[in-house]
Protein backbone atom coordinates (compact mmCIF):
# COMPACT_ATOMS: atom_id res chain seq x y z
CA MET A 1 -99.51 -152.16 -0.17
CA LYS A 2 -98.77 -152.56 3.55
CA LYS A 3 -96.09 -149.86 3.39
CA ILE A 4 -98.58 -147.44 1.83
CA ILE A 5 -101.22 -148.27 4.45
CA GLY A 6 -98.64 -147.93 7.23
CA LEU A 7 -97.54 -144.54 5.94
CA ALA A 8 -101.13 -143.42 5.58
CA LEU A 9 -101.83 -144.40 9.19
CA LEU A 10 -98.69 -142.62 10.32
CA PHE A 11 -99.57 -139.42 8.50
CA CYS A 12 -103.11 -139.53 9.81
CA GLY A 13 -101.84 -139.57 13.37
CA LEU A 14 -102.85 -143.15 13.91
CA ASN A 15 -99.33 -144.40 14.41
CA SER A 16 -100.34 -146.26 17.54
CA PHE A 17 -101.40 -149.11 15.30
CA ILE A 18 -99.08 -151.65 13.79
CA VAL A 19 -99.74 -154.01 10.98
CA ASN A 20 -98.79 -157.62 11.45
CA ALA A 21 -96.10 -158.13 8.85
CA ASN A 22 -96.62 -161.88 8.75
CA THR A 23 -100.17 -161.81 7.42
CA HIS A 24 -100.56 -163.31 3.97
CA LYS A 25 -103.32 -160.95 2.91
CA THR A 26 -102.09 -157.91 1.04
CA ASP A 27 -105.32 -156.01 0.58
CA SER A 28 -106.53 -155.70 4.16
CA ILE A 29 -105.35 -154.58 7.55
CA GLU A 30 -105.75 -157.44 9.96
CA ASN A 31 -104.20 -158.39 13.24
CA LYS A 32 -103.59 -154.76 14.07
CA VAL A 33 -102.74 -154.27 17.71
CA PRO A 34 -102.56 -150.84 19.26
CA ILE A 35 -99.01 -150.41 20.52
CA HIS A 36 -100.17 -149.21 23.91
CA LEU A 37 -102.15 -152.42 24.36
CA ASN A 38 -99.36 -154.94 23.91
CA LYS A 39 -98.75 -157.02 27.01
CA GLU A 40 -95.18 -155.76 27.02
CA GLN A 41 -95.50 -152.09 26.26
CA PRO A 42 -92.98 -150.82 23.73
CA LYS A 43 -90.72 -148.15 25.17
CA THR A 44 -91.62 -145.63 22.48
CA SER A 45 -95.28 -145.69 23.44
CA VAL A 46 -94.62 -145.20 27.14
CA LEU A 47 -91.90 -142.65 26.39
CA GLU A 48 -94.38 -140.58 24.41
CA MET A 49 -96.69 -140.56 27.42
CA ILE A 50 -94.04 -139.58 29.96
CA LEU A 51 -91.82 -137.33 27.85
CA VAL A 52 -93.16 -134.15 29.44
CA ALA A 53 -92.22 -135.43 32.90
CA GLU A 54 -88.85 -136.83 31.86
CA THR A 55 -87.78 -133.61 30.15
CA ASN A 56 -88.84 -131.43 33.08
CA ASN A 57 -86.96 -133.21 35.85
CA TYR A 58 -89.71 -135.34 37.33
CA PRO A 59 -88.19 -138.62 38.48
CA SER A 60 -89.37 -141.97 37.25
CA PRO A 61 -90.48 -144.19 40.14
CA GLN A 62 -88.80 -147.17 38.48
CA LYS A 63 -85.50 -145.33 38.01
CA ALA A 64 -85.73 -143.93 41.53
CA LEU A 65 -85.80 -147.47 42.90
CA GLN A 66 -83.04 -148.49 40.51
CA TYR A 67 -80.84 -145.69 41.90
CA ALA A 68 -82.00 -146.10 45.52
CA GLN A 69 -78.52 -146.71 46.85
CA GLN A 70 -76.89 -143.80 45.00
CA LEU A 71 -79.76 -141.51 46.10
CA ASN A 72 -79.55 -142.70 49.71
CA LEU A 73 -83.27 -143.35 49.80
CA SER A 74 -84.56 -144.17 53.25
CA ALA A 75 -86.62 -147.29 53.90
CA VAL A 76 -89.72 -145.10 54.14
CA GLN A 77 -88.96 -143.46 50.78
CA LYS A 78 -88.39 -146.84 49.14
CA THR A 79 -91.72 -148.05 50.49
CA GLN A 80 -93.51 -144.92 49.27
CA ILE A 81 -91.98 -145.13 45.80
CA THR A 82 -92.72 -148.86 45.60
CA GLN A 83 -96.36 -148.09 46.38
CA ILE A 84 -96.40 -145.34 43.75
CA LEU A 85 -94.95 -147.72 41.16
CA SER A 86 -97.40 -150.49 42.09
CA GLU A 87 -100.36 -148.14 41.78
CA MET A 88 -99.08 -146.85 38.44
CA ASN A 89 -98.74 -150.40 37.11
CA ARG A 90 -102.15 -151.42 38.47
CA LYS A 91 -103.85 -148.43 36.87
CA ALA A 92 -102.00 -148.88 33.57
CA LYS A 93 -103.06 -152.52 33.39
CA GLU A 94 -106.65 -151.58 34.19
CA MET A 95 -106.70 -148.87 31.52
CA ASN A 96 -105.10 -151.17 28.95
CA ASN A 97 -107.83 -153.74 29.59
CA PHE A 98 -110.54 -151.10 29.16
CA ILE A 99 -108.92 -149.80 25.97
CA LEU A 100 -108.66 -153.32 24.59
CA ALA A 101 -112.35 -153.93 25.27
CA GLN A 102 -113.37 -150.71 23.49
CA GLU A 103 -111.01 -151.36 20.57
CA ASP A 104 -112.52 -154.83 20.26
CA LYS A 105 -116.06 -153.41 20.17
CA LEU A 106 -115.07 -150.90 17.51
CA ASN A 107 -113.31 -153.60 15.52
CA THR A 108 -116.43 -155.78 15.70
CA LEU A 109 -118.59 -152.94 14.41
CA PHE A 110 -116.28 -152.55 11.42
CA LYS A 111 -116.08 -156.31 10.78
CA GLU A 112 -119.86 -156.62 10.87
CA GLN A 113 -120.29 -153.51 8.70
CA LYS A 114 -122.42 -151.93 11.46
CA VAL A 115 -120.31 -148.87 12.21
CA ASN A 116 -121.98 -145.49 11.76
CA ASP A 117 -121.08 -141.90 12.57
CA GLY A 118 -122.57 -142.09 16.06
CA SER A 119 -120.86 -145.33 17.07
CA LEU A 120 -117.57 -144.17 15.56
CA ILE A 121 -117.66 -140.92 17.54
CA PHE A 122 -118.69 -142.76 20.71
CA TYR A 123 -115.95 -145.40 20.61
CA THR A 124 -113.13 -143.16 19.39
CA ASN A 125 -113.93 -140.58 22.08
CA LYS A 126 -114.15 -143.28 24.74
CA ILE A 127 -110.84 -144.80 23.62
CA GLY A 128 -109.25 -141.35 23.62
CA ALA A 129 -110.46 -140.68 27.16
CA LEU A 130 -109.10 -144.02 28.33
CA GLN A 131 -105.76 -143.28 26.68
CA GLY A 132 -105.76 -139.99 28.59
CA GLU A 133 -106.38 -141.89 31.84
CA LEU A 134 -103.48 -144.17 31.00
CA ARG A 135 -101.17 -141.22 30.46
CA ASN A 136 -102.48 -139.64 33.64
CA ALA A 137 -101.51 -142.77 35.60
CA TYR A 138 -97.93 -142.48 34.41
CA LEU A 139 -97.59 -138.74 34.94
CA LYS A 140 -99.26 -138.87 38.35
CA ALA A 141 -96.62 -141.38 39.46
CA TYR A 142 -93.82 -139.05 38.36
CA ILE A 143 -95.34 -136.16 40.29
CA ALA A 144 -95.80 -138.31 43.40
CA THR A 145 -92.22 -139.58 43.17
CA LYS A 146 -90.84 -136.05 42.98
CA LYS A 147 -92.71 -135.20 46.19
CA VAL A 148 -90.95 -138.08 47.99
CA PHE A 149 -87.48 -136.79 47.08
CA THR A 150 -85.49 -134.21 49.00
CA THR A 151 -83.92 -131.37 47.03
CA ASN A 152 -80.50 -133.03 47.27
CA GLN A 153 -81.90 -136.35 46.05
CA LEU A 154 -83.59 -134.65 43.12
CA ASN A 155 -80.31 -132.98 42.13
CA LYS A 156 -78.44 -136.28 42.46
CA TYR A 157 -81.15 -138.05 40.41
CA LYS A 158 -80.72 -135.50 37.59
CA GLN A 159 -76.98 -136.19 37.56
CA LEU A 160 -77.51 -139.97 37.52
CA VAL A 161 -79.99 -139.82 34.67
CA VAL A 162 -77.78 -137.54 32.57
CA ARG A 163 -74.79 -139.81 33.17
CA ASN A 164 -76.66 -142.99 32.29
């Protein structure tokens, strides 16, 4: 039953939800946690959000710091990228908390059998907007990191990422 529900969610485009495989109930979906809301974000979820930047040669702030020595980043550049990364993480945490709160409200409406068309539209649209803000936080950091790089550093970064 869980496999069928999981496939149905996947085909409906709701693959950001996972079903807790350890639940003993077979006829209900409980303990579902949106992937993007886990305390430790799964790489696939974040990768989906940043794929457009990664595939178009926008450097990751985290990888930029990881390759700081090979890229010959100056102290100023390291500081700038560290600030970019910190802001990205702060914003992502903030958005995750907002998304969790809205998901919880929607979940409560369903549990209490009080959901209606209006509340469903309201909460799903709000959650969607917050997910957009979360993605924006990631992509904004990639754009800002690219602006910190010189042309030579950007070329070297591309080589390092392809190699690793």
